[in-house]
């Protein structure tokens, strides 16, 4: 059976060159392939753009010739407006799927994988989940350092305990340090049919693009090249599909350095809301 490797939490931060993101995403997943000793692989980067970010739209414009494409990649459209296929000069390619990272009223994050259109921040998480359940996307509640503690943690626990009335995944990510075990909530969620869809979650600092493709999940299945995201969704939503995470947690020094840097970043004045 062919294999599929997914990085389920990819940001295209302004400090990244898209060419670098594609390069590292492709080659990091190839390293996973070599470790697994498998040959038939379909690769995916699932984007999670924040409000006001439109890098996927720029990439789509490059695919249609409206903007110059990256020098070392050929970008093709598919029959899905949210999915592009990016091929390096070697002929090896990777699917890039548009998606959003939504900040809820509770200051929790929700990933809308495959939902490339803008989505306003600030609504209650129950409302966000209900809206996304009506869309053709994959919904993920991603782990973040400190974000599942206190009142916010209680909100996530309540959603997990409610089961799968509104379908969603939890999402581990490559910023969790090695000394921080996978939260017990993942095990409790699994008992209720809520599974783990992890991703690298590169932070908004130069050099973090090197993480793309290094943390994610692999599964077996066949992808329709005309409708790749739709066929991926069907596999992910099938309870019989085995999801096998890959990647190593973060080391101590980078974790501490980036957490401090993120706190300084949050203290900077906000430019204000961006209209969709």
C-alpha atoms as a PDB file:
ATOM      1  CA  UNK A   1       0.000   0.000   0.000  1.00  0.00           C
ATOM      2  CA  UNK A   2       1.377   3.490  -0.837  1.00  0.00           C
ATOM      3  CA  UNK A   3       2.374   5.718   2.068  1.00  0.00           C
ATOM      4  CA  UNK A   4       1.421   9.326   2.802  1.00  0.00           C
ATOM      5  CA  UNK A   5       3.465  11.743   4.935  1.00  0.00           C
ATOM      6  CA  UNK A   6       1.842  14.906   6.273  1.00  0.00           C
ATOM      7  CA  UNK A   7       3.103  17.946   8.135  1.00  0.00           C
ATOM      8  CA  UNK A   8      -0.210  19.111   9.567  1.00  0.00           C
ATOM      9  CA  UNK A   9       0.772  22.544  10.929  1.00  0.00           C
ATOM     10  CA  UNK A  10       2.816  24.711   8.559  1.00  0.00           C
ATOM     11  CA  UNK A  11       3.127  28.494   8.722  1.00  0.00           C
ATOM     12  CA  UNK A  12       4.472  30.633   5.877  1.00  0.00           C
ATOM     13  CA  UNK A  13       5.764  33.445   8.061  1.00  0.00           C
ATOM     14  CA  UNK A  14       6.860  36.694   6.353  1.00  0.00           C
ATOM     15  CA  UNK A  15      10.477  36.030   7.383  1.00  0.00           C
ATOM     16  CA  UNK A  16      10.465  32.782   5.333  1.00  0.00           C
ATOM     17  CA  UNK A  17      11.127  32.403   1.626  1.00  0.00           C
ATOM     18  CA  UNK A  18       8.482  30.125   0.140  1.00  0.00           C
ATOM     19  CA  UNK A  19      11.197  28.397  -1.858  1.00  0.00           C
ATOM     20  CA  UNK A  20      12.965  27.464   1.394  1.00  0.00           C
ATOM     21  CA  UNK A  21       9.756  26.224   3.016  1.00  0.00           C
ATOM     22  CA  UNK A  22       9.070  23.948   0.058  1.00  0.00           C
ATOM     23  CA  UNK A  23      12.677  22.755  -0.066  1.00  0.00           C
ATOM     24  CA  UNK A  24      12.943  21.856   3.619  1.00  0.00           C
ATOM     25  CA  UNK A  25       9.413  20.424   3.723  1.00  0.00           C
ATOM     26  CA  UNK A  26      10.185  18.139   0.819  1.00  0.00           C
ATOM     27  CA  UNK A  27      13.629  17.028   1.970  1.00  0.00           C
ATOM     28  CA  UNK A  28      12.692  16.550   5.623  1.00  0.00           C
ATOM     29  CA  UNK A  29       9.854  14.269   4.579  1.00  0.00           C
ATOM     30  CA  UNK A  30      12.224  12.427   2.252  1.00  0.00           C
ATOM     31  CA  UNK A  31      14.438  11.757   5.290  1.00  0.00           C
ATOM     32  CA  UNK A  32      11.405  10.220   7.024  1.00  0.00           C
ATOM     33  CA  UNK A  33      10.785   8.066   3.949  1.00  0.00           C
ATOM     34  CA  UNK A  34      14.360   6.799   4.024  1.00  0.00           C
ATOM     35  CA  UNK A  35      14.069   5.943   7.706  1.00  0.00           C
ATOM     36  CA  UNK A  36      10.837   4.034   7.046  1.00  0.00           C
ATOM     37  CA  UNK A  37      12.408   2.378   3.990  1.00  0.00           C
ATOM     38  CA  UNK A  38       9.343   2.961   1.813  1.00  0.00           C
ATOM     39  CA  UNK A  39       9.276   4.118  -1.795  1.00  0.00           C
ATOM     40  CA  UNK A  40       5.715   5.012  -2.814  1.00  0.00           C
ATOM     41  CA  UNK A  41       5.150   8.248  -0.931  1.00  0.00           C
ATOM     42  CA  UNK A  42       2.710  11.138  -1.333  1.00  0.00           C
ATOM     43  CA  UNK A  43       3.724  14.238   0.609  1.00  0.00           C
ATOM     44  CA  UNK A  44       1.580  17.026   2.063  1.00  0.00           C
ATOM     45  CA  UNK A  45       2.218  20.364   3.739  1.00  0.00           C
ATOM     46  CA  UNK A  46      -0.995  21.608   5.361  1.00  0.00           C
ATOM     47  CA  UNK A  47      -0.831  25.384   5.764  1.00  0.00           C
ATOM     48  CA  UNK A  48      -2.199  27.270   8.772  1.00  0.00           C
ATOM     49  CA  UNK A  49      -2.243  30.978   7.928  1.00  0.00           C
ATOM     50  CA  UNK A  50      -3.288  33.571  10.498  1.00  0.00           C
ATOM     51  CA  UNK A  51      -5.675  36.457   9.895  1.00  0.00           C
ATOM     52  CA  UNK A  52      -4.309  38.862   7.299  1.00  0.00           C
ATOM     53  CA  UNK A  53      -1.856  36.343   5.818  1.00  0.00           C
ATOM     54  CA  UNK A  54      -2.352  35.323   2.196  1.00  0.00           C
ATOM     55  CA  UNK A  55       0.800  33.448   1.209  1.00  0.00           C
ATOM     56  CA  UNK A  56      -1.203  30.542  -0.250  1.00  0.00           C
ATOM     57  CA  UNK A  57      -3.045  32.947  -2.538  1.00  0.00           C
ATOM     58  CA  UNK A  58       0.326  34.290  -3.700  1.00  0.00           C
ATOM     59  CA  UNK A  59       1.513  30.734  -4.350  1.00  0.00           C
ATOM     60  CA  UNK A  60      -1.645  30.029  -6.349  1.00  0.00           C
ATOM     61  CA  UNK A  61      -1.007  33.189  -8.378  1.00  0.00           C
ATOM     62  CA  UNK A  62       2.456  31.837  -9.166  1.00  0.00           C
ATOM     63  CA  UNK A  63       0.897  28.569 -10.340  1.00  0.00           C
ATOM     64  CA  UNK A  64      -1.359  30.406 -12.814  1.00  0.00           C
ATOM     65  CA  UNK A  65       1.396  32.707 -14.106  1.00  0.00           C
ATOM     66  CA  UNK A  66       0.045  35.858 -12.477  1.00  0.00           C
ATOM     67  CA  UNK A  67       3.256  36.109 -10.448  1.00  0.00           C
ATOM     68  CA  UNK A  68       6.777  34.766 -11.080  1.00  0.00           C
ATOM     69  CA  UNK A  69       7.180  31.263  -9.583  1.00  0.00           C
ATOM     70  CA  UNK A  70      10.062  30.246  -7.295  1.00  0.00           C
ATOM     71  CA  UNK A  71      13.198  29.569  -9.315  1.00  0.00           C
ATOM     72  CA  UNK A  72      13.684  25.953  -8.214  1.00  0.00           C
ATOM     73  CA  UNK A  73      10.055  24.768  -8.116  1.00  0.00           C
ATOM     74  CA  UNK A  74       7.329  24.237 -10.680  1.00  0.00           C
ATOM     75  CA  UNK A  75       3.874  24.889  -9.214  1.00  0.00           C
ATOM     76  CA  UNK A  76       0.743  23.307 -10.662  1.00  0.00           C
ATOM     77  CA  UNK A  77      -2.927  23.696  -9.865  1.00  0.00           C
ATOM     78  CA  UNK A  78      -5.214  20.739  -9.178  1.00  0.00           C
ATOM     79  CA  UNK A  79      -8.975  20.472  -9.547  1.00  0.00           C
ATOM     80  CA  UNK A  80      -9.184  21.707  -5.959  1.00  0.00           C
ATOM     81  CA  UNK A  81      -8.775  25.433  -5.399  1.00  0.00           C
ATOM     82  CA  UNK A  82      -7.177  24.787  -1.995  1.00  0.00           C
ATOM     83  CA  UNK A  83      -4.441  22.422  -3.252  1.00  0.00           C
ATOM     84  CA  UNK A  84      -1.303  22.970  -5.327  1.00  0.00           C
ATOM     85  CA  UNK A  85       1.418  20.552  -6.416  1.00  0.00           C
ATOM     86  CA  UNK A  86       4.990  21.823  -6.166  1.00  0.00           C
ATOM     87  CA  UNK A  87       7.760  19.953  -8.003  1.00  0.00           C
ATOM     88  CA  UNK A  88      11.482  20.470  -7.505  1.00  0.00           C
ATOM     89  CA  UNK A  89      13.931  20.308 -10.418  1.00  0.00           C
ATOM     90  CA  UNK A  90      14.665  16.678  -9.475  1.00  0.00           C
ATOM     91  CA  UNK A  91      11.060  15.813 -10.360  1.00  0.00           C
ATOM     92  CA  UNK A  92      10.088  15.077  -6.743  1.00  0.00           C
ATOM     93  CA  UNK A  93       6.939  16.877  -5.607  1.00  0.00           C
ATOM     94  CA  UNK A  94       4.787  17.784  -2.632  1.00  0.00           C
ATOM     95  CA  UNK A  95       1.183  18.919  -2.227  1.00  0.00           C
ATOM     96  CA  UNK A  96       0.582  22.246  -0.490  1.00  0.00           C
ATOM     97  CA  UNK A  97      -2.904  22.766   0.943  1.00  0.00           C
ATOM     98  CA  UNK A  98      -4.243  26.145   2.031  1.00  0.00           C
ATOM     99  CA  UNK A  99      -5.640  26.486   5.539  1.00  0.00           C
ATOM    100  CA  UNK A 100      -6.207  28.844   8.451  1.00  0.00           C
ATOM    101  CA  UNK A 101      -5.200  29.235  12.085  1.00  0.00           C
ATOM    102  CA  UNK A 102      -8.095  30.828  13.972  1.00  0.00           C
ATOM    103  CA  UNK A 103      -7.807  32.448  17.404  1.00  0.00           C
ATOM    104  CA  UNK A 104     -11.005  32.050  19.425  1.00  0.00           C
ATOM    105  CA  UNK A 105     -12.519  34.270  22.100  1.00  0.00           C
ATOM    106  CA  UNK A 106     -10.988  31.948  24.721  1.00  0.00           C
ATOM    107  CA  UNK A 107      -7.519  32.595  23.203  1.00  0.00           C
ATOM    108  CA  UNK A 108      -7.317  29.035  21.946  1.00  0.00           C
ATOM    109  CA  UNK A 109      -6.148  28.167  18.464  1.00  0.00           C
ATOM    110  CA  UNK A 110      -8.131  26.154  15.941  1.00  0.00           C
ATOM    111  CA  UNK A 111      -6.633  24.925  12.668  1.00  0.00           C
ATOM    112  CA  UNK A 112      -8.912  24.772   9.632  1.00  0.00           C
ATOM    113  CA  UNK A 113      -6.869  22.576   7.282  1.00  0.00           C
ATOM    114  CA  UNK A 114      -8.032  22.924   3.715  1.00  0.00           C
ATOM    115  CA  UNK A 115     -10.077  26.066   4.416  1.00  0.00           C
ATOM    116  CA  UNK A 116      -8.010  28.557   2.445  1.00  0.00           C
ATOM    117  CA  UNK A 117     -10.495  31.455   2.625  1.00  0.00           C
ATOM    118  CA  UNK A 118     -10.150  34.108   5.364  1.00  0.00           C
ATOM    119  CA  UNK A 119     -11.829  33.386   8.699  1.00  0.00           C
ATOM    120  CA  UNK A 120     -12.369  36.049  11.360  1.00  0.00           C
ATOM    121  CA  UNK A 121     -10.803  35.599  14.794  1.00  0.00           C
ATOM    122  CA  UNK A 122     -12.590  36.210  18.083  1.00  0.00           C
ATOM    123  CA  UNK A 123     -15.668  33.953  18.050  1.00  0.00           C
ATOM    124  CA  UNK A 124     -16.277  31.400  20.842  1.00  0.00           C
ATOM    125  CA  UNK A 125     -14.609  28.080  20.148  1.00  0.00           C
ATOM    126  CA  UNK A 126     -17.935  26.217  20.067  1.00  0.00           C
ATOM    127  CA  UNK A 127     -19.125  28.564  17.325  1.00  0.00           C
ATOM    128  CA  UNK A 128     -15.886  28.190  15.364  1.00  0.00           C
ATOM    129  CA  UNK A 129     -16.095  24.388  15.523  1.00  0.00           C
ATOM    130  CA  UNK A 130     -19.736  24.439  14.456  1.00  0.00           C
ATOM    131  CA  UNK A 131     -18.951  26.653  11.468  1.00  0.00           C
ATOM    132  CA  UNK A 132     -16.005  24.527  10.386  1.00  0.00           C
ATOM    133  CA  UNK A 133     -18.106  21.353  10.656  1.00  0.00           C
ATOM    134  CA  UNK A 134     -20.114  22.737   7.721  1.00  0.00           C
ATOM    135  CA  UNK A 135     -16.968  23.164   5.600  1.00  0.00           C
ATOM    136  CA  UNK A 136     -14.921  20.638   3.647  1.00  0.00           C
ATOM    137  CA  UNK A 137     -11.902  20.901   5.927  1.00  0.00           C
ATOM    138  CA  UNK A 138     -10.075  19.110   8.724  1.00  0.00           C
ATOM    139  CA  UNK A 139     -10.362  20.790  12.141  1.00  0.00           C
ATOM    140  CA  UNK A 140      -7.523  20.511  14.671  1.00  0.00           C
ATOM    141  CA  UNK A 141      -7.036  21.865  18.206  1.00  0.00           C
ATOM    142  CA  UNK A 142      -3.237  22.211  18.373  1.00  0.00           C
ATOM    143  CA  UNK A 143      -1.238  21.840  21.558  1.00  0.00           C
ATOM    144  CA  UNK A 144       0.844  24.854  22.606  1.00  0.00           C
ATOM    145  CA  UNK A 145       3.086  25.504  25.602  1.00  0.00           C
ATOM    146  CA  UNK A 146       0.811  26.825  28.348  1.00  0.00           C
ATOM    147  CA  UNK A 147      -2.265  27.014  26.115  1.00  0.00           C
ATOM    148  CA  UNK A 148      -3.952  23.916  27.526  1.00  0.00           C
ATOM    149  CA  UNK A 149      -3.560  24.955  31.172  1.00  0.00           C
ATOM    150  CA  UNK A 150      -5.990  26.710  33.516  1.00  0.00           C
ATOM    151  CA  UNK A 151      -9.321  27.880  32.105  1.00  0.00           C
ATOM    152  CA  UNK A 152      -8.260  27.284  28.520  1.00  0.00           C
ATOM    153  CA  UNK A 153      -7.252  23.737  29.365  1.00  0.00           C
ATOM    154  CA  UNK A 154     -10.649  23.165  30.948  1.00  0.00           C
ATOM    155  CA  UNK A 155     -12.346  24.299  27.734  1.00  0.00           C
ATOM    156  CA  UNK A 156     -10.326  21.772  25.708  1.00  0.00           C
ATOM    157  CA  UNK A 157     -11.048  19.012  28.227  1.00  0.00           C
ATOM    158  CA  UNK A 158     -14.777  19.736  28.025  1.00  0.00           C
ATOM    159  CA  UNK A 159     -14.682  19.536  24.241  1.00  0.00           C
ATOM    160  CA  UNK A 160     -12.856  16.197  24.394  1.00  0.00           C
ATOM    161  CA  UNK A 161     -15.278  14.823  26.996  1.00  0.00           C
ATOM    162  CA  UNK A 162     -18.203  15.820  24.767  1.00  0.00           C
ATOM    163  CA  UNK A 163     -16.884  13.361  22.184  1.00  0.00           C
ATOM    164  CA  UNK A 164     -17.178  13.681  18.435  1.00  0.00           C
ATOM    165  CA  UNK A 165     -20.546  15.416  18.014  1.00  0.00           C
ATOM    166  CA  UNK A 166     -18.495  18.113  16.273  1.00  0.00           C
ATOM    167  CA  UNK A 167     -15.551  16.282  14.628  1.00  0.00           C
ATOM    168  CA  UNK A 168     -12.030  17.493  15.298  1.00  0.00           C
ATOM    169  CA  UNK A 169      -8.489  16.240  15.891  1.00  0.00           C
ATOM    170  CA  UNK A 170      -5.972  17.216  18.538  1.00  0.00           C
ATOM    171  CA  UNK A 171      -2.547  18.213  17.255  1.00  0.00           C
ATOM    172  CA  UNK A 172       0.847  17.658  18.822  1.00  0.00           C
ATOM    173  CA  UNK A 173       3.625  19.818  17.378  1.00  0.00           C
ATOM    174  CA  UNK A 174       7.366  20.047  16.948  1.00  0.00           C
ATOM    175  CA  UNK A 175       7.746  22.783  19.571  1.00  0.00           C
ATOM    176  CA  UNK A 176       6.888  20.473  22.478  1.00  0.00           C
ATOM    177  CA  UNK A 177      10.176  19.916  24.333  1.00  0.00           C
ATOM    178  CA  UNK A 178      11.500  16.415  24.971  1.00  0.00           C
ATOM    179  CA  UNK A 179      11.038  16.768  28.750  1.00  0.00           C
ATOM    180  CA  UNK A 180       7.326  17.620  28.358  1.00  0.00           C
ATOM    181  CA  UNK A 181       5.403  14.358  27.863  1.00  0.00           C
ATOM    182  CA  UNK A 182       2.533  14.168  25.434  1.00  0.00           C
ATOM    183  CA  UNK A 183      -0.402  15.491  27.529  1.00  0.00           C
ATOM    184  CA  UNK A 184      -2.707  12.838  28.976  1.00  0.00           C
ATOM    185  CA  UNK A 185      -5.573  14.538  27.175  1.00  0.00           C
ATOM    186  CA  UNK A 186      -4.379  12.906  23.943  1.00  0.00           C
ATOM    187  CA  UNK A 187      -4.952   9.449  25.440  1.00  0.00           C
ATOM    188  CA  UNK A 188      -8.359  10.453  26.819  1.00  0.00           C
ATOM    189  CA  UNK A 189      -9.290  11.868  23.408  1.00  0.00           C
ATOM    190  CA  UNK A 190      -8.233   8.682  21.615  1.00  0.00           C
ATOM    191  CA  UNK A 191     -10.704   6.683  23.721  1.00  0.00           C
ATOM    192  CA  UNK A 192     -13.437   8.953  22.369  1.00  0.00           C
ATOM    193  CA  UNK A 193     -12.369   8.614  18.751  1.00  0.00           C
ATOM    194  CA  UNK A 194     -10.458  11.923  18.655  1.00  0.00           C
ATOM    195  CA  UNK A 195      -7.022  11.349  17.160  1.00  0.00           C
ATOM    196  CA  UNK A 196      -3.692  13.145  16.918  1.00  0.00           C
ATOM    197  CA  UNK A 197      -2.807  15.033  13.713  1.00  0.00           C
ATOM    198  CA  UNK A 198       0.609  16.591  14.443  1.00  0.00           C
ATOM    199  CA  UNK A 199       2.730  19.130  12.583  1.00  0.00           C
ATOM    200  CA  UNK A 200       5.969  21.065  12.825  1.00  0.00           C
ATOM    201  CA  UNK A 201       4.439  24.504  13.697  1.00  0.00           C
ATOM    202  CA  UNK A 202       7.478  26.638  12.730  1.00  0.00           C
ATOM    203  CA  UNK A 203       7.699  29.831  14.777  1.00  0.00           C
ATOM    204  CA  UNK A 204       8.038  33.321  13.214  1.00  0.00           C
ATOM    205  CA  UNK A 205      11.835  33.509  13.390  1.00  0.00           C
ATOM    206  CA  UNK A 206      14.476  33.122  10.666  1.00  0.00           C
ATOM    207  CA  UNK A 207      15.726  29.556  10.476  1.00  0.00           C
ATOM    208  CA  UNK A 208      12.482  27.991  11.675  1.00  0.00           C
ATOM    209  CA  UNK A 209      11.575  27.132   8.077  1.00  0.00           C
ATOM    210  CA  UNK A 210      14.141  24.340   8.405  1.00  0.00           C
ATOM    211  CA  UNK A 211      11.660  22.508  10.683  1.00  0.00           C
ATOM    212  CA  UNK A 212       8.954  22.171   8.043  1.00  0.00           C
ATOM    213  CA  UNK A 213       8.302  18.522   7.206  1.00  0.00           C
ATOM    214  CA  UNK A 214      10.249  17.238  10.225  1.00  0.00           C
ATOM    215  CA  UNK A 215       7.212  16.535  12.450  1.00  0.00           C
ATOM    216  CA  UNK A 216       3.909  15.069  11.390  1.00  0.00           C
ATOM    217  CA  UNK A 217       2.060  11.861  10.692  1.00  0.00           C
ATOM    218  CA  UNK A 218       2.254   9.034   8.178  1.00  0.00           C
ATOM    219  CA  UNK A 219      -0.472   6.700   7.001  1.00  0.00           C
ATOM    220  CA  UNK A 220      -1.223   4.288   4.198  1.00  0.00           C
ATOM    221  CA  UNK A 221      -3.613   5.015   1.359  1.00  0.00           C
ATOM    222  CA  UNK A 222      -4.109   6.115  -2.208  1.00  0.00           C
ATOM    223  CA  UNK A 223      -4.388   9.782  -3.177  1.00  0.00           C
ATOM    224  CA  UNK A 224      -6.333  10.944  -6.222  1.00  0.00           C
ATOM    225  CA  UNK A 225      -3.984  13.413  -7.996  1.00  0.00           C
ATOM    226  CA  UNK A 226      -6.973  15.355  -9.322  1.00  0.00           C
ATOM    227  CA  UNK A 227      -8.575  15.776  -5.892  1.00  0.00           C
ATOM    228  CA  UNK A 228      -5.731  15.152  -3.458  1.00  0.00           C
ATOM    229  CA  UNK A 229      -7.096  16.921  -0.394  1.00  0.00           C
ATOM    230  CA  UNK A 230     -10.542  15.347  -0.695  1.00  0.00           C
ATOM    231  CA  UNK A 231      -9.008  11.875  -0.819  1.00  0.00           C
ATOM    232  CA  UNK A 232      -6.705  12.743   2.102  1.00  0.00           C
ATOM    233  CA  UNK A 233      -9.724  13.917   4.126  1.00  0.00           C
ATOM    234  CA  UNK A 234     -11.503  10.629   3.486  1.00  0.00           C
ATOM    235  CA  UNK A 235      -8.513   8.691   4.780  1.00  0.00           C
ATOM    236  CA  UNK A 236      -8.048  10.875   7.866  1.00  0.00           C
ATOM    237  CA  UNK A 237     -11.725  10.703   8.758  1.00  0.00           C
ATOM    238  CA  UNK A 238     -11.829   6.920   8.385  1.00  0.00           C
ATOM    239  CA  UNK A 239     -11.505   5.422  11.901  1.00  0.00           C
ATOM    240  CA  UNK A 240      -9.845   2.355  10.360  1.00  0.00           C
ATOM    241  CA  UNK A 241      -6.891   4.425   9.094  1.00  0.00           C
ATOM    242  CA  UNK A 242      -3.796   4.088  11.291  1.00  0.00           C
ATOM    243  CA  UNK A 243      -2.057   7.398  11.974  1.00  0.00           C
ATOM    244  CA  UNK A 244       1.606   7.012  12.941  1.00  0.00           C
ATOM    245  CA  UNK A 245       3.308  10.218  14.190  1.00  0.00           C
ATOM    246  CA  UNK A 246       6.910  10.955  13.202  1.00  0.00           C
ATOM    247  CA  UNK A 247       9.503  13.476  14.353  1.00  0.00           C
ATOM    248  CA  UNK A 248      11.476  14.366  17.477  1.00  0.00           C
ATOM    249  CA  UNK A 249      10.411  16.841  20.203  1.00  0.00           C
ATOM    250  CA  UNK A 250      12.334  20.088  20.637  1.00  0.00           C
ATOM    251  CA  UNK A 251      15.615  20.325  22.541  1.00  0.00           C
ATOM    252  CA  UNK A 252      15.841  22.386  25.755  1.00  0.00           C
ATOM    253  CA  UNK A 253      17.845  25.424  24.591  1.00  0.00           C
ATOM    254  CA  UNK A 254      15.809  26.172  21.420  1.00  0.00           C
ATOM    255  CA  UNK A 255      12.573  25.700  23.361  1.00  0.00           C
ATOM    256  CA  UNK A 256      13.534  28.182  26.089  1.00  0.00           C
ATOM    257  CA  UNK A 257      15.004  30.682  23.602  1.00  0.00           C
ATOM    258  CA  UNK A 258      11.925  30.681  21.406  1.00  0.00           C
ATOM    259  CA  UNK A 259       9.460  30.845  24.293  1.00  0.00           C
ATOM    260  CA  UNK A 260      11.230  33.978  25.585  1.00  0.00           C
ATOM    261  CA  UNK A 261      11.306  35.455  22.077  1.00  0.00           C
ATOM    262  CA  UNK A 262       7.583  34.770  21.645  1.00  0.00           C
ATOM    263  CA  UNK A 263       6.788  36.599  24.886  1.00  0.00           C
ATOM    264  CA  UNK A 264       8.686  39.674  23.669  1.00  0.00           C
ATOM    265  CA  UNK A 265       6.883  39.418  20.349  1.00  0.00           C
ATOM    266  CA  UNK A 266       3.474  39.382  22.039  1.00  0.00           C
ATOM    267  CA  UNK A 267       4.293  42.624  23.876  1.00  0.00           C
ATOM    268  CA  UNK A 268       4.768  44.532  20.624  1.00  0.00           C
ATOM    269  CA  UNK A 269       1.839  46.775  19.616  1.00  0.00           C
ATOM    270  CA  UNK A 270      -0.692  45.044  17.406  1.00  0.00           C
ATOM    271  CA  UNK A 271      -1.319  46.579  13.961  1.00  0.00           C
ATOM    272  CA  UNK A 272      -5.056  46.014  14.495  1.00  0.00           C
ATOM    273  CA  UNK A 273      -7.559  43.691  12.877  1.00  0.00           C
ATOM    274  CA  UNK A 274      -7.279  42.942   9.199  1.00  0.00           C
ATOM    275  CA  UNK A 275     -10.433  42.814   7.118  1.00  0.00           C
ATOM    276  CA  UNK A 276     -11.007  39.611   5.137  1.00  0.00           C
END
